[in-house]
Every structure is written in structure tokens, then in C-alpha cells.
Amino acid sequence: SMTFHLGAEPLVEALKDSPFELTYMKAHDAAKDFPLA
């Protein structure tokens, strides 16, 4: 079996209604999607 996990939920919750806008780039997306410029 295989399961997928997120580790940043406490931080995401803490930043709700805050002066910060968080983009959460998951590890499996970063190899392709992290900016090249």
C-alpha cells in the first residue's frame, strides 16, 4: 500500500488571516516546478 502525507498543515493553519500569502510547493512537484529564472 502507499500513502501520501503533508507535513506543513500546522503552519498553513497558523498563516490563515495573516499578512502572508503562502504558496505550498510539495516535494514531488518541486523538481519540475521550482522556478528556473
Full PDB file with SEQRES, HELIX, SHEET, SSBOND, CRYST1, ORIGX, SCALE, CONECT and MASTER records, all heavy atoms in Angstrom:
SEQRES   1 A   37  SER MET THR PHE HIS LEU GLY ALA GLU PRO LEU VAL GLU          
SEQRES   2 A   37  ALA LEU LYS ASP SER PRO PHE GLU LEU THR TYR MET LYS          
SEQRES   3 A   37  ALA HIS ASP ALA ALA LYS ASP PHE PRO LEU ALA                  
HELIX    1 AA1 GLU A    9  ALA A   14  1                                   6    
HELIX    2 AA2 ALA A   27  ASP A   33  1                                   7    
CRYST1    1.000    1.000    1.000  90.00  90.00  90.00 P 1           1          
ORIGX1      1.000000  0.000000  0.000000        0.00000                         
ORIGX2      0.000000  1.000000  0.000000        0.00000                         
ORIGX3      0.000000  0.000000  1.000000        0.00000                         
SCALE1      1.000000  0.000000  0.000000        0.00000                         
SCALE2      0.000000  1.000000  0.000000        0.00000                         
SCALE3      0.000000  0.000000  1.000000        0.00000                         
ATOM      1  N   SER A   1       0.850  -1.185   0.000  1.00  0.00           N  
ATOM      2  CA  SER A   1       0.000   0.000   0.000  1.00  0.00           C  
ATOM      3  C   SER A   1       0.887   1.237   0.000  1.00  0.00           C  
ATOM      4  O   SER A   1       2.070   1.184   0.350  1.00  0.00           O  
ATOM      5  CB  SER A   1      -0.935   0.017   1.218  1.00  0.00           C  
ATOM      6  OG  SER A   1      -0.190   0.114   2.419  1.00  0.00           O  
ATOM      7  N   MET A   2       0.300   2.358  -0.398  1.00  0.00           N  
ATOM      8  CA  MET A   2       1.031   3.613  -0.488  1.00  0.00           C  
ATOM      9  C   MET A   2       0.158   4.731   0.060  1.00  0.00           C  
ATOM     10  O   MET A   2      -1.044   4.784  -0.200  1.00  0.00           O  
ATOM     11  CB  MET A   2       1.395   3.900  -1.951  1.00  0.00           C  
ATOM     12  CG  MET A   2       2.196   5.164  -2.178  1.00  0.00           C  
ATOM     13  SD  MET A   2       2.564   5.412  -3.946  1.00  0.00           S  
ATOM     14  CE  MET A   2       3.537   3.945  -4.296  1.00  0.00           C  
ATOM     15  N   THR A   3       0.753   5.624   0.851  1.00  0.00           N  
ATOM     16  CA  THR A   3       0.016   6.759   1.400  1.00  0.00           C  
ATOM     17  C   THR A   3       0.809   8.036   1.167  1.00  0.00           C  
ATOM     18  O   THR A   3       2.044   8.024   1.125  1.00  0.00           O  
ATOM     19  CB  THR A   3      -0.245   6.580   2.900  1.00  0.00           C  
ATOM     20  OG1 THR A   3       0.991   6.300   3.571  1.00  0.00           O  
ATOM     21  CG2 THR A   3      -1.229   5.439   3.158  1.00  0.00           C  
ATOM     22  N   PHE A   4       0.093   9.152   1.035  1.00  0.00           N  
ATOM     23  CA  PHE A   4       0.699  10.459   0.794  1.00  0.00           C  
ATOM     24  C   PHE A   4       0.480  11.327   2.027  1.00  0.00           C  
ATOM     25  O   PHE A   4      -0.597  11.312   2.634  1.00  0.00           O  
ATOM     26  CB  PHE A   4       0.053  11.118  -0.425  1.00  0.00           C  
ATOM     27  CG  PHE A   4       0.548  12.519  -0.690  1.00  0.00           C  
ATOM     28  CD1 PHE A   4       1.840  12.747  -1.115  1.00  0.00           C  
ATOM     29  CD2 PHE A   4      -0.287  13.617  -0.509  1.00  0.00           C  
ATOM     30  CE1 PHE A   4       2.300  14.030  -1.353  1.00  0.00           C  
ATOM     31  CE2 PHE A   4       0.156  14.902  -0.739  1.00  0.00           C  
ATOM     32  CZ  PHE A   4       1.464  15.110  -1.161  1.00  0.00           C  
ATOM     33  N   HIS A   5       1.506  12.082   2.417  1.00  0.00           N  
ATOM     34  CA  HIS A   5       1.445  12.837   3.662  1.00  0.00           C  
ATOM     35  C   HIS A   5       1.893  14.279   3.440  1.00  0.00           C  
ATOM     36  O   HIS A   5       2.799  14.555   2.653  1.00  0.00           O  
ATOM     37  CB  HIS A   5       2.347  12.190   4.723  1.00  0.00           C  
ATOM     38  CG  HIS A   5       2.052  10.749   4.963  1.00  0.00           C  
ATOM     39  ND1 HIS A   5       1.160  10.318   5.914  1.00  0.00           N  
ATOM     40  CD2 HIS A   5       2.533   9.635   4.355  1.00  0.00           C  
ATOM     41  CE1 HIS A   5       1.106   8.997   5.906  1.00  0.00           C  
ATOM     42  NE2 HIS A   5       1.927   8.559   4.960  1.00  0.00           N  
ATOM     43  N   LEU A   6       1.267  15.178   4.180  1.00  0.00           N  
ATOM     44  CA  LEU A   6       1.646  16.588   4.192  1.00  0.00           C  
ATOM     45  C   LEU A   6       2.129  16.944   5.590  1.00  0.00           C  
ATOM     46  O   LEU A   6       1.497  16.585   6.583  1.00  0.00           O  
ATOM     47  CB  LEU A   6       0.457  17.476   3.815  1.00  0.00           C  
ATOM     48  CG  LEU A   6      -0.106  17.306   2.402  1.00  0.00           C  
ATOM     49  CD1 LEU A   6      -1.382  18.119   2.237  1.00  0.00           C  
ATOM     50  CD2 LEU A   6       0.923  17.729   1.359  1.00  0.00           C  
ATOM     51  N   GLY A   7       3.240  17.669   5.682  1.00  0.00           N  
ATOM     52  CA  GLY A   7       3.800  17.992   6.974  1.00  0.00           C  
ATOM     53  C   GLY A   7       3.651  19.434   7.407  1.00  0.00           C  
ATOM     54  O   GLY A   7       4.042  19.793   8.513  1.00  0.00           O  
ATOM     55  N   ALA A   8       3.083  20.271   6.533  1.00  0.00           N  
ATOM     56  CA  ALA A   8       3.047  21.704   6.828  1.00  0.00           C  
ATOM     57  C   ALA A   8       1.678  22.208   7.257  1.00  0.00           C  
ATOM     58  O   ALA A   8       1.479  23.419   7.375  1.00  0.00           O  
ATOM     59  CB  ALA A   8       3.526  22.499   5.617  1.00  0.00           C  
ATOM     60  N   GLU A   9       0.727  21.311   7.505  1.00  0.00           N  
ATOM     61  CA  GLU A   9      -0.620  21.772   7.862  1.00  0.00           C  
ATOM     62  C   GLU A   9      -0.642  22.705   9.061  1.00  0.00           C  
ATOM     63  O   GLU A   9      -1.394  23.691   9.053  1.00  0.00           O  
ATOM     64  CB  GLU A   9      -1.558  20.585   8.120  1.00  0.00           C  
ATOM     65  CG  GLU A   9      -1.804  19.703   6.912  1.00  0.00           C  
ATOM     66  CD  GLU A   9      -0.932  18.466   6.949  1.00  0.00           C  
ATOM     67  OE1 GLU A   9       0.244  18.582   7.360  1.00  0.00           O  
ATOM     68  OE2 GLU A   9      -1.434  17.385   6.582  1.00  0.00           O  
ATOM     69  N   PRO A  10       0.153  22.451  10.123  1.00  0.00           N  
ATOM     70  CA  PRO A  10       0.122  23.404  11.243  1.00  0.00           C  
ATOM     71  C   PRO A  10       0.539  24.816  10.832  1.00  0.00           C  
ATOM     72  O   PRO A  10      -0.058  25.803  11.288  1.00  0.00           O  
ATOM     73  CB  PRO A  10       1.115  22.797  12.243  1.00  0.00           C  
ATOM     74  CG  PRO A  10       1.133  21.344  11.932  1.00  0.00           C  
ATOM     75  CD  PRO A  10       0.982  21.271  10.445  1.00  0.00           C  
ATOM     76  N   LEU A  11       1.536  24.925   9.967  1.00  0.00           N  
ATOM     77  CA  LEU A  11       1.975  26.240   9.510  1.00  0.00           C  
ATOM     78  C   LEU A  11       0.930  26.874   8.605  1.00  0.00           C  
ATOM     79  O   LEU A  11       0.651  28.068   8.709  1.00  0.00           O  
ATOM     80  CB  LEU A  11       3.305  26.128   8.775  1.00  0.00           C  
ATOM     81  CG  LEU A  11       3.873  27.444   8.258  1.00  0.00           C  
ATOM     82  CD1 LEU A  11       4.184  28.387   9.412  1.00  0.00           C  
ATOM     83  CD2 LEU A  11       5.122  27.209   7.418  1.00  0.00           C  
ATOM     84  N   VAL A  12       0.359  26.089   7.708  1.00  0.00           N  
ATOM     85  CA  VAL A  12      -0.689  26.608   6.820  1.00  0.00           C  
ATOM     86  C   VAL A  12      -1.839  27.177   7.653  1.00  0.00           C  
ATOM     87  O   VAL A  12      -2.348  28.270   7.371  1.00  0.00           O  
ATOM     88  CB  VAL A  12      -1.199  25.499   5.874  1.00  0.00           C  
ATOM     89  CG1 VAL A  12      -2.423  25.970   5.099  1.00  0.00           C  
ATOM     90  CG2 VAL A  12      -0.093  25.078   4.909  1.00  0.00           C  
ATOM     91  N   GLU A  13      -2.228  26.462   8.686  1.00  0.00           N  
ATOM     92  CA  GLU A  13      -3.321  26.919   9.555  1.00  0.00           C  
ATOM     93  C   GLU A  13      -2.919  28.195  10.290  1.00  0.00           C  
ATOM     94  O   GLU A  13      -3.723  29.128  10.428  1.00  0.00           O  
ATOM     95  CB  GLU A  13      -3.669  25.819  10.554  1.00  0.00           C  
ATOM     96  CG  GLU A  13      -4.814  26.154  11.493  1.00  0.00           C  
ATOM     97  CD  GLU A  13      -6.152  26.305  10.797  1.00  0.00           C  
ATOM     98  OE1 GLU A  13      -6.335  25.702   9.719  1.00  0.00           O  
ATOM     99  OE2 GLU A  13      -7.010  27.043  11.335  1.00  0.00           O  
ATOM    100  N   ALA A  14      -1.673  28.259  10.749  1.00  0.00           N  
ATOM    101  CA  ALA A  14      -1.210  29.419  11.506  1.00  0.00           C  
ATOM    102  C   ALA A  14      -1.171  30.683  10.660  1.00  0.00           C  
ATOM    103  O   ALA A  14      -1.291  31.794  11.191  1.00  0.00           O  
ATOM    104  CB  ALA A  14       0.176  29.140  12.091  1.00  0.00           C  
ATOM    105  N   LEU A  15      -1.017  30.534   9.346  1.00  0.00           N  
ATOM    106  CA  LEU A  15      -0.903  31.697   8.473  1.00  0.00           C  
ATOM    107  C   LEU A  15      -2.243  32.176   7.911  1.00  0.00           C  
ATOM    108  O   LEU A  15      -2.279  33.156   7.165  1.00  0.00           O  
ATOM    109  CB  LEU A  15       0.056  31.396   7.313  1.00  0.00           C  
ATOM    110  CG  LEU A  15       1.527  31.219   7.703  1.00  0.00           C  
ATOM    111  CD1 LEU A  15       2.377  30.989   6.462  1.00  0.00           C  
ATOM    112  CD2 LEU A  15       2.043  32.405   8.489  1.00  0.00           C  
ATOM    113  N   LYS A  16      -3.328  31.491   8.267  1.00  0.00           N  
ATOM    114  CA  LYS A  16      -4.639  31.965   7.825  1.00  0.00           C  
ATOM    115  C   LYS A  16      -4.936  33.333   8.435  1.00  0.00           C  
ATOM    116  O   LYS A  16      -4.614  33.599   9.588  1.00  0.00           O  
ATOM    117  CB  LYS A  16      -5.729  30.963   8.227  1.00  0.00           C  
ATOM    118  CG  LYS A  16      -5.717  29.686   7.409  1.00  0.00           C  
ATOM    119  CD  LYS A  16      -6.845  28.753   7.819  1.00  0.00           C  
ATOM    120  CE  LYS A  16      -6.868  27.495   6.970  1.00  0.00           C  
ATOM    121  NZ  LYS A  16      -7.957  26.564   7.402  1.00  0.00           N  
ATOM    122  N   ASP A  17      -5.532  34.211   7.640  1.00  0.00           N  
ATOM    123  CA  ASP A  17      -5.878  35.564   8.103  1.00  0.00           C  
ATOM    124  C   ASP A  17      -4.660  36.288   8.669  1.00  0.00           C  
ATOM    125  O   ASP A  17      -4.727  36.953   9.708  1.00  0.00           O  
ATOM    126  CB  ASP A  17      -6.990  35.506   9.164  1.00  0.00           C  
ATOM    127  CG  ASP A  17      -8.247  34.833   8.645  1.00  0.00           C  
ATOM    128  OD1 ASP A  17      -8.627  35.123   7.497  1.00  0.00           O  
ATOM    129  OD2 ASP A  17      -8.826  34.022   9.374  1.00  0.00           O  
ATOM    130  N   SER A  18      -3.538  36.141   7.972  1.00  0.00           N  
ATOM    131  CA  SER A  18      -2.294  36.778   8.389  1.00  0.00           C  
ATOM    132  C   SER A  18      -1.811  37.710   7.283  1.00  0.00           C  
ATOM    133  O   SER A  18      -2.386  37.736   6.189  1.00  0.00           O  
ATOM    134  CB  SER A  18      -1.228  35.710   8.669  1.00  0.00           C  
ATOM    135  OG  SER A  18      -0.663  35.230   7.466  1.00  0.00           O  
ATOM    136  N   PRO A  19      -0.748  38.468   7.514  1.00  0.00           N  
ATOM    137  CA  PRO A  19      -0.214  39.342   6.463  1.00  0.00           C  
ATOM    138  C   PRO A  19       0.563  38.599   5.382  1.00  0.00           C  
ATOM    139  O   PRO A  19       1.202  39.242   4.533  1.00  0.00           O  
ATOM    140  CB  PRO A  19       0.731  40.286   7.238  1.00  0.00           C  
ATOM    141  CG  PRO A  19       0.387  40.133   8.669  1.00  0.00           C  
ATOM    142  CD  PRO A  19      -0.115  38.735   8.818  1.00  0.00           C  
ATOM    143  N   PHE A  20       0.502  37.241   5.387  1.00  0.00           N  
ATOM    144  CA  PHE A  20       1.314  36.461   4.462  1.00  0.00           C  
ATOM    145  C   PHE A  20       0.446  35.575   3.567  1.00  0.00           C  
ATOM    146  O   PHE A  20      -0.539  34.988   4.018  1.00  0.00           O  
ATOM    147  CB  PHE A  20       2.312  35.594   5.231  1.00  0.00           C  
ATOM    148  CG  PHE A  20       3.238  36.394   6.083  1.00  0.00           C  
ATOM    149  CD1 PHE A  20       3.002  36.518   7.451  1.00  0.00           C  
ATOM    150  CD2 PHE A  20       4.320  37.056   5.535  1.00  0.00           C  
ATOM    151  CE1 PHE A  20       3.842  37.272   8.252  1.00  0.00           C  
ATOM    152  CE2 PHE A  20       5.160  37.814   6.325  1.00  0.00           C  
ATOM    153  CZ  PHE A  20       4.927  37.930   7.686  1.00  0.00           C  
ATOM    154  N   GLU A  21       0.855  35.493   2.316  1.00  0.00           N  
ATOM    155  CA  GLU A  21       0.231  34.600   1.349  1.00  0.00           C  
ATOM    156  C   GLU A  21       1.214  33.469   1.071  1.00  0.00           C  
ATOM    157  O   GLU A  21       2.306  33.697   0.547  1.00  0.00           O  
ATOM    158  CB  GLU A  21      -0.091  35.350   0.058  1.00  0.00           C  
ATOM    159  CG  GLU A  21      -0.684  34.493  -1.047  1.00  0.00           C  
ATOM    160  CD  GLU A  21      -0.863  35.269  -2.339  1.00  0.00           C  
ATOM    161  OE1 GLU A  21      -1.176  36.474  -2.269  1.00  0.00           O  
ATOM    162  OE2 GLU A  21      -0.670  34.679  -3.420  1.00  0.00           O  
ATOM    163  N   LEU A  22       0.825  32.246   1.421  1.00  0.00           N  
ATOM    164  CA  LEU A  22       1.731  31.100   1.329  1.00  0.00           C  
ATOM    165  C   LEU A  22       1.418  30.264   0.094  1.00  0.00           C  
ATOM    166  O   LEU A  22       0.295  29.823  -0.103  1.00  0.00           O  
ATOM    167  CB  LEU A  22       1.597  30.229   2.577  1.00  0.00           C  
ATOM    168  CG  LEU A  22       2.509  29.000   2.637  1.00  0.00           C  
ATOM    169  CD1 LEU A  22       3.962  29.411   2.827  1.00  0.00           C  
ATOM    170  CD2 LEU A  22       2.063  28.055   3.749  1.00  0.00           C  
ATOM    171  N   THR A  23       2.447  30.036  -0.733  1.00  0.00           N  
ATOM    172  CA  THR A  23       2.379  29.050  -1.804  1.00  0.00           C  
ATOM    173  C   THR A  23       3.106  27.807  -1.315  1.00  0.00           C  
ATOM    174  O   THR A  23       4.283  27.880  -0.941  1.00  0.00           O  
ATOM    175  CB  THR A  23       3.038  29.574  -3.087  1.00  0.00           C  
ATOM    176  OG1 THR A  23       2.330  30.723  -3.541  1.00  0.00           O  
ATOM    177  CG2 THR A  23       3.025  28.515  -4.181  1.00  0.00           C  
ATOM    178  N   TYR A  24       2.403  26.681  -1.309  1.00  0.00           N  
ATOM    179  CA  TYR A  24       2.920  25.426  -0.749  1.00  0.00           C  
ATOM    180  C   TYR A  24       3.274  24.507  -1.915  1.00  0.00           C  
ATOM    181  O   TYR A  24       2.411  23.879  -2.505  1.00  0.00           O  
ATOM    182  CB  TYR A  24       1.840  24.832   0.146  1.00  0.00           C  
ATOM    183  CG  TYR A  24       2.187  23.591   0.943  1.00  0.00           C  
ATOM    184  CD1 TYR A  24       3.441  22.993   0.931  1.00  0.00           C  
ATOM    185  CD2 TYR A  24       1.212  23.002   1.755  1.00  0.00           C  
ATOM    186  CE1 TYR A  24       3.713  21.871   1.673  1.00  0.00           C  
ATOM    187  CE2 TYR A  24       1.470  21.873   2.511  1.00  0.00           C  
ATOM    188  CZ  TYR A  24       2.720  21.311   2.463  1.00  0.00           C  
ATOM    189  OH  TYR A  24       2.990  20.191   3.207  1.00  0.00           O  
ATOM    190  N   MET A  25       4.562  24.448  -2.268  1.00  0.00           N  
ATOM    191  CA  MET A  25       5.037  23.607  -3.361  1.00  0.00           C  
ATOM    192  C   MET A  25       5.517  22.283  -2.774  1.00  0.00           C  
ATOM    193  O   MET A  25       6.532  22.226  -2.089  1.00  0.00           O  
ATOM    194  CB  MET A  25       6.171  24.294  -4.125  1.00  0.00           C  
ATOM    195  CG  MET A  25       6.681  23.495  -5.315  1.00  0.00           C  
ATOM    196  SD  MET A  25       8.008  24.351  -6.216  1.00  0.00           S  
ATOM    197  CE  MET A  25       7.075  25.676  -6.994  1.00  0.00           C  
ATOM    198  N   LYS A  26       4.758  21.215  -3.042  1.00  0.00           N  
ATOM    199  CA  LYS A  26       5.072  19.919  -2.471  1.00  0.00           C  
ATOM    200  C   LYS A  26       6.389  19.381  -3.037  1.00  0.00           C  
ATOM    201  O   LYS A  26       6.818  19.739  -4.136  1.00  0.00           O  
ATOM    202  CB  LYS A  26       3.941  18.930  -2.731  1.00  0.00           C  
ATOM    203  CG  LYS A  26       2.526  19.461  -2.508  1.00  0.00           C  
ATOM    204  CD  LYS A  26       2.302  20.009  -1.128  1.00  0.00           C  
ATOM    205  CE  LYS A  26       0.835  20.370  -0.893  1.00  0.00           C  
ATOM    206  NZ  LYS A  26       0.336  21.459  -1.749  1.00  0.00           N  
ATOM    207  N   ALA A  27       7.025  18.491  -2.283  1.00  0.00           N  
ATOM    208  CA  ALA A  27       8.342  17.976  -2.672  1.00  0.00           C  
ATOM    209  C   ALA A  27       8.309  17.304  -4.036  1.00  0.00           C  
ATOM    210  O   ALA A  27       9.233  17.466  -4.837  1.00  0.00           O  
ATOM    211  CB  ALA A  27       8.848  17.009  -1.603  1.00  0.00           C  
ATOM    212  N   HIS A  28       7.245  16.549  -4.325  1.00  0.00           N  
ATOM    213  CA  HIS A  28       7.208  15.833  -5.602  1.00  0.00           C  
ATOM    214  C   HIS A  28       6.970  16.761  -6.790  1.00  0.00           C  
ATOM    215  O   HIS A  28       7.224  16.375  -7.934  1.00  0.00           O  
ATOM    216  CB  HIS A  28       6.117  14.753  -5.564  1.00  0.00           C  
ATOM    217  CG  HIS A  28       4.728  15.288  -5.391  1.00  0.00           C  
ATOM    218  ND1 HIS A  28       4.228  15.659  -4.169  1.00  0.00           N  
ATOM    219  CD2 HIS A  28       3.738  15.522  -6.288  1.00  0.00           C  
ATOM    220  CE1 HIS A  28       2.986  16.097  -4.311  1.00  0.00           C  
ATOM    221  NE2 HIS A  28       2.667  16.036  -5.585  1.00  0.00           N  
ATOM    222  N   ASP A  29       6.507  17.982  -6.539  1.00  0.00           N  
ATOM    223  CA  ASP A  29       6.323  18.960  -7.612  1.00  0.00           C  
ATOM    224  C   ASP A  29       7.559  19.821  -7.827  1.00  0.00           C  
ATOM    225  O   ASP A  29       7.747  20.395  -8.909  1.00  0.00           O  
ATOM    226  CB  ASP A  29       5.145  19.882  -7.296  1.00  0.00           C  
ATOM    227  CG  ASP A  29       3.806  19.171  -7.337  1.00  0.00           C  
ATOM    228  OD1 ASP A  29       3.642  18.281  -8.195  1.00  0.00           O  
ATOM    229  OD2 ASP A  29       2.937  19.503  -6.506  1.00  0.00           O  
ATOM    230  N   ALA A  30       8.404  19.924  -6.796  1.00  0.00           N  
ATOM    231  CA  ALA A  30       9.479  20.916  -6.834  1.00  0.00           C  
ATOM    232  C   ALA A  30      10.515  20.635  -7.912  1.00  0.00           C  
ATOM    233  O   ALA A  30      11.071  21.576  -8.500  1.00  0.00           O  
ATOM    234  CB  ALA A  30      10.153  20.994  -5.466  1.00  0.00           C  
ATOM    235  N   ALA A  31      10.815  19.365  -8.200  1.00  0.00           N  
ATOM    236  CA  ALA A  31      11.839  19.060  -9.199  1.00  0.00           C  
ATOM    237  C   ALA A  31      11.517  19.713 -10.538  1.00  0.00           C  
ATOM    238  O   ALA A  31      12.401  20.239 -11.210  1.00  0.00           O  
ATOM    239  CB  ALA A  31      11.975  17.546  -9.365  1.00  0.00           C  
ATOM    240  N   LYS A  32      10.246  19.737 -10.892  1.00  0.00           N  
ATOM    241  CA  LYS A  32       9.838  20.312 -12.177  1.00  0.00           C  
ATOM    242  C   LYS A  32       9.404  21.763 -12.042  1.00  0.00           C  
ATOM    243  O   LYS A  32       9.698  22.598 -12.913  1.00  0.00           O  
ATOM    244  CB  LYS A  32       8.693  19.489 -12.773  1.00  0.00           C  
ATOM    245  CG  LYS A  32       8.156  20.007 -14.099  1.00  0.00           C  
ATOM    246  CD  LYS A  32       7.084  19.080 -14.651  1.00  0.00           C  
ATOM    247  CE  LYS A  32       6.554  19.572 -15.990  1.00  0.00           C  
ATOM    248  NZ  LYS A  32       5.832  20.858 -15.869  1.00  0.00           N  
ATOM    249  N   ASP A  33       8.706  22.103 -10.958  1.00  0.00           N  
ATOM    250  CA  ASP A  33       8.004  23.388 -10.888  1.00  0.00           C  
ATOM    251  C   ASP A  33       8.768  24.503 -10.181  1.00  0.00           C  
ATOM    252  O   ASP A  33       8.399  25.672 -10.324  1.00  0.00           O  
ATOM    253  CB  ASP A  33       6.649  23.198 -10.194  1.00  0.00           C  
ATOM    254  CG  ASP A  33       5.713  22.320 -10.999  1.00  0.00           C  
ATOM    255  OD1 ASP A  33       5.942  22.140 -12.210  1.00  0.00           O  
ATOM    256  OD2 ASP A  33       4.753  21.786 -10.403  1.00  0.00           O  
ATOM    257  N   PHE A  34       9.801  24.183  -9.408  1.00  0.00           N  
ATOM    258  CA  PHE A  34      10.556  25.276  -8.782  1.00  0.00           C  
ATOM    259  C   PHE A  34      11.159  26.146  -9.881  1.00  0.00           C  
ATOM    260  O   PHE A  34      11.706  25.635 -10.858  1.00  0.00           O  
ATOM    261  CB  PHE A  34      11.652  24.720  -7.877  1.00  0.00           C  
ATOM    262  CG  PHE A  34      12.318  25.774  -7.029  1.00  0.00           C  
ATOM    263  CD1 PHE A  34      11.822  26.074  -5.777  1.00  0.00           C  
ATOM    264  CD2 PHE A  34      13.421  26.471  -7.488  1.00  0.00           C  
ATOM    265  CE1 PHE A  34      12.424  27.047  -4.982  1.00  0.00           C  
ATOM    266  CE2 PHE A  34      14.030  27.449  -6.718  1.00  0.00           C  
ATOM    267  CZ  PHE A  34      13.525  27.743  -5.463  1.00  0.00           C  
ATOM    268  N   PRO A  35      11.060  27.470  -9.754  1.00  0.00           N  
ATOM    269  CA  PRO A  35      11.466  28.364 -10.849  1.00  0.00           C  
ATOM    270  C   PRO A  35      12.899  28.149 -11.320  1.00  0.00           C  
ATOM    271  O   PRO A  35      13.810  27.851 -10.534  1.00  0.00           O  
ATOM    272  CB  PRO A  35      11.286  29.755 -10.233  1.00  0.00           C  
ATOM    273  CG  PRO A  35      10.208  29.582  -9.222  1.00  0.00           C  
ATOM    274  CD  PRO A  35      10.448  28.221  -8.639  1.00  0.00           C  
ATOM    275  N   LEU A  36      13.073  28.338 -12.626  1.00  0.00           N  
ATOM    276  CA  LEU A  36      14.377  28.237 -13.267  1.00  0.00           C  
ATOM    277  C   LEU A  36      14.941  29.601 -13.627  1.00  0.00           C  
ATOM    278  O   LEU A  36      16.007  29.681 -14.247  1.00  0.00           O  
ATOM    279  CB  LEU A  36      14.274  27.387 -14.539  1.00  0.00           C  
ATOM    280  CG  LEU A  36      14.068  25.884 -14.335  1.00  0.00           C  
ATOM    281  CD1 LEU A  36      13.608  25.230 -15.628  1.00  0.00           C  
ATOM    282  CD2 LEU A  36      15.351  25.229 -13.836  1.00  0.00           C  
ATOM    283  N   ALA A  37      14.239  30.663 -13.255  1.00  0.00           N  
ATOM    284  CA  ALA A  37      14.672  32.013 -13.592  1.00  0.00           C  
ATOM    285  C   ALA A  37      14.586  32.902 -12.366  1.00  0.00           C  
ATOM    286  O   ALA A  37      13.639  32.814 -11.579  1.00  0.00           O  
ATOM    287  CB  ALA A  37      13.826  32.584 -14.728  1.00  0.00           C  
TER     288      ALA A  37                                                      
MASTER        0    0    0    2    0    0    0    6  287    1    0    3          
END                                                                             
